[in-house]
């Protein structure tokens, strides 16, 4: 089975030498997404909840492009520039994972790309793929 590069026009283009996502053998590996608005190309203005909402929408666009969805996410990694934002990010994140949340870690980092406050990456299954 070969790897497939996923390019989704409804999510921001990569800002470096990486792909938005890669699928391989029924698995989907989504690169970290930040709060870039695909329509404006600018960072979302507002608080950590507004940033988190945009990040989740960007992830959702890539999942949908890959014929997957939040119910098929196995693991997420959340990177925060300030661990004091943990509860607010959790509040937004929980809206997208109502019944069966994936495994996850949350990591505090000193700086994120474009000085954003949150970045989230995901690993998901592509439904209908046999292992």
Protein backbone atom coordinates (compact mmCIF):
# COMPACT_ATOMS: atom_id res chain seq x y z
CA UNK A 1 0.00 0.00 0.00
CA UNK A 2 1.36 3.45 -0.82
CA UNK A 3 1.05 6.64 1.11
CA UNK A 4 -1.28 9.34 -0.18
CA UNK A 5 -0.79 13.03 0.46
CA UNK A 6 -4.03 14.77 1.45
CA UNK A 7 -4.57 18.34 0.25
CA UNK A 8 -7.75 20.01 1.46
CA UNK A 9 -8.70 23.42 0.10
CA UNK A 10 -11.05 24.00 3.06
CA UNK A 11 -8.12 23.97 5.49
CA UNK A 12 -5.07 26.25 5.49
CA UNK A 13 -2.15 25.29 3.29
CA UNK A 14 0.97 24.19 5.15
CA UNK A 15 3.28 27.00 6.22
CA UNK A 16 6.37 24.81 5.88
CA UNK A 17 7.73 21.67 4.19
CA UNK A 18 5.02 19.25 5.32
CA UNK A 19 1.64 17.94 4.15
CA UNK A 20 -1.71 18.70 5.73
CA UNK A 21 -2.21 14.98 6.13
CA UNK A 22 -0.96 11.63 4.93
CA UNK A 23 -3.01 8.47 4.61
CA UNK A 24 -1.40 5.06 4.71
CA UNK A 25 -2.92 1.62 5.06
CA UNK A 26 -6.27 2.93 6.33
CA UNK A 27 -4.73 5.37 8.78
CA UNK A 28 -4.81 9.15 8.56
CA UNK A 29 -2.05 11.26 10.09
CA UNK A 30 -3.02 14.95 10.28
CA UNK A 31 -0.33 17.56 10.83
CA UNK A 32 -0.76 20.09 13.59
CA UNK A 33 -3.34 22.71 12.75
CA UNK A 34 -3.37 26.26 14.05
CA UNK A 35 -6.07 28.95 14.00
CA UNK A 36 -5.58 30.10 10.41
CA UNK A 37 -8.79 31.04 8.63
CA UNK A 38 -8.66 29.46 5.16
CA UNK A 39 -10.85 32.21 3.67
CA UNK A 40 -8.71 35.13 4.83
CA UNK A 41 -5.34 33.47 5.28
CA UNK A 42 -5.08 35.28 8.61
CA UNK A 43 -5.02 34.10 12.18
CA UNK A 44 -8.37 34.16 13.93
CA UNK A 45 -8.74 37.15 16.24
CA UNK A 46 -10.11 36.52 19.69
CA UNK A 47 -9.48 34.47 22.76
CA UNK A 48 -8.23 30.91 23.17
CA UNK A 49 -11.75 29.54 22.59
CA UNK A 50 -11.97 31.27 19.19
CA UNK A 51 -8.54 29.89 18.29
CA UNK A 52 -9.50 26.39 19.43
CA UNK A 53 -12.75 26.49 17.47
CA UNK A 54 -10.89 27.40 14.27
CA UNK A 55 -8.29 24.69 14.85
CA UNK A 56 -11.04 22.08 15.24
CA UNK A 57 -12.80 23.33 12.09
CA UNK A 58 -9.54 23.02 10.15
CA UNK A 59 -9.08 19.47 11.44
CA UNK A 60 -12.69 18.65 10.59
CA UNK A 61 -12.21 19.82 6.99
CA UNK A 62 -9.22 17.51 6.58
CA UNK A 63 -11.05 14.59 8.19
CA UNK A 64 -14.02 15.07 5.86
CA UNK A 65 -11.77 15.37 2.79
CA UNK A 66 -10.35 11.98 3.79
CA UNK A 67 -13.80 10.40 4.24
CA UNK A 68 -13.31 10.25 7.99
CA UNK A 69 -14.66 12.18 10.96
CA UNK A 70 -14.20 12.91 14.63
CA UNK A 71 -15.76 9.57 15.58
CA UNK A 72 -12.84 7.85 13.83
CA UNK A 73 -10.07 9.78 15.59
CA UNK A 74 -7.83 7.50 17.65
CA UNK A 75 -5.37 9.99 19.13
CA UNK A 76 -4.78 13.71 19.38
CA UNK A 77 -1.88 15.82 20.54
CA UNK A 78 -2.60 19.30 21.87
CA UNK A 79 0.18 21.84 22.20
CA UNK A 80 -0.46 24.90 24.36
CA UNK A 81 1.71 27.97 24.82
CA UNK A 82 0.05 28.48 28.22
CA UNK A 83 -1.26 25.62 30.34
CA UNK A 84 -3.65 28.12 31.98
CA UNK A 85 -5.69 27.76 28.74
CA UNK A 86 -6.22 24.03 29.35
CA UNK A 87 -9.81 24.30 30.63
CA UNK A 88 -10.95 26.65 27.85
CA UNK A 89 -9.42 24.45 25.13
CA UNK A 90 -11.02 21.38 26.74
CA UNK A 91 -14.42 23.07 26.64
CA UNK A 92 -14.20 23.63 22.87
CA UNK A 93 -12.54 20.27 22.19
CA UNK A 94 -15.28 18.37 24.06
CA UNK A 95 -17.96 19.71 21.68
CA UNK A 96 -16.33 17.73 18.86
CA UNK A 97 -15.88 14.49 20.84
CA UNK A 98 -19.20 13.85 22.57
CA UNK A 99 -19.37 10.06 23.00
CA UNK A 100 -16.03 8.37 22.45
CA UNK A 101 -13.12 10.76 22.91
CA UNK A 102 -9.76 9.58 21.58
CA UNK A 103 -6.54 9.05 23.49
CA UNK A 104 -4.73 12.35 23.97
CA UNK A 105 -1.88 14.24 25.49
CA UNK A 106 -1.60 17.95 26.16
CA UNK A 107 1.84 19.47 26.13
CA UNK A 108 2.95 22.93 27.24
CA UNK A 109 5.45 24.49 24.85
CA UNK A 110 7.27 27.80 24.90
CA UNK A 111 6.33 28.93 21.37
CA UNK A 112 4.15 27.72 18.51
CA UNK A 113 4.18 28.64 14.81
CA UNK A 114 3.08 32.22 14.14
CA UNK A 115 2.95 32.70 17.95
CA UNK A 116 -0.46 31.05 18.23
CA UNK A 117 -1.70 29.70 21.55
CA UNK A 118 -2.86 26.23 20.47
CA UNK A 119 -1.97 23.60 17.88
CA UNK A 120 -3.62 20.18 17.53
CA UNK A 121 -2.62 17.13 15.47
CA UNK A 122 -4.57 13.89 15.00
CA UNK A 123 -4.35 10.25 14.02
CA UNK A 124 -7.56 8.72 12.66
CA UNK A 125 -8.90 5.67 10.86
CA UNK A 126 -10.37 5.96 7.39
CA UNK A 127 -13.68 4.04 7.55
CA UNK A 128 -14.14 1.15 5.16
CA UNK A 129 -10.46 0.34 5.02
CA UNK A 130 -9.44 -3.20 5.86
CA UNK A 131 -6.38 -3.82 7.97
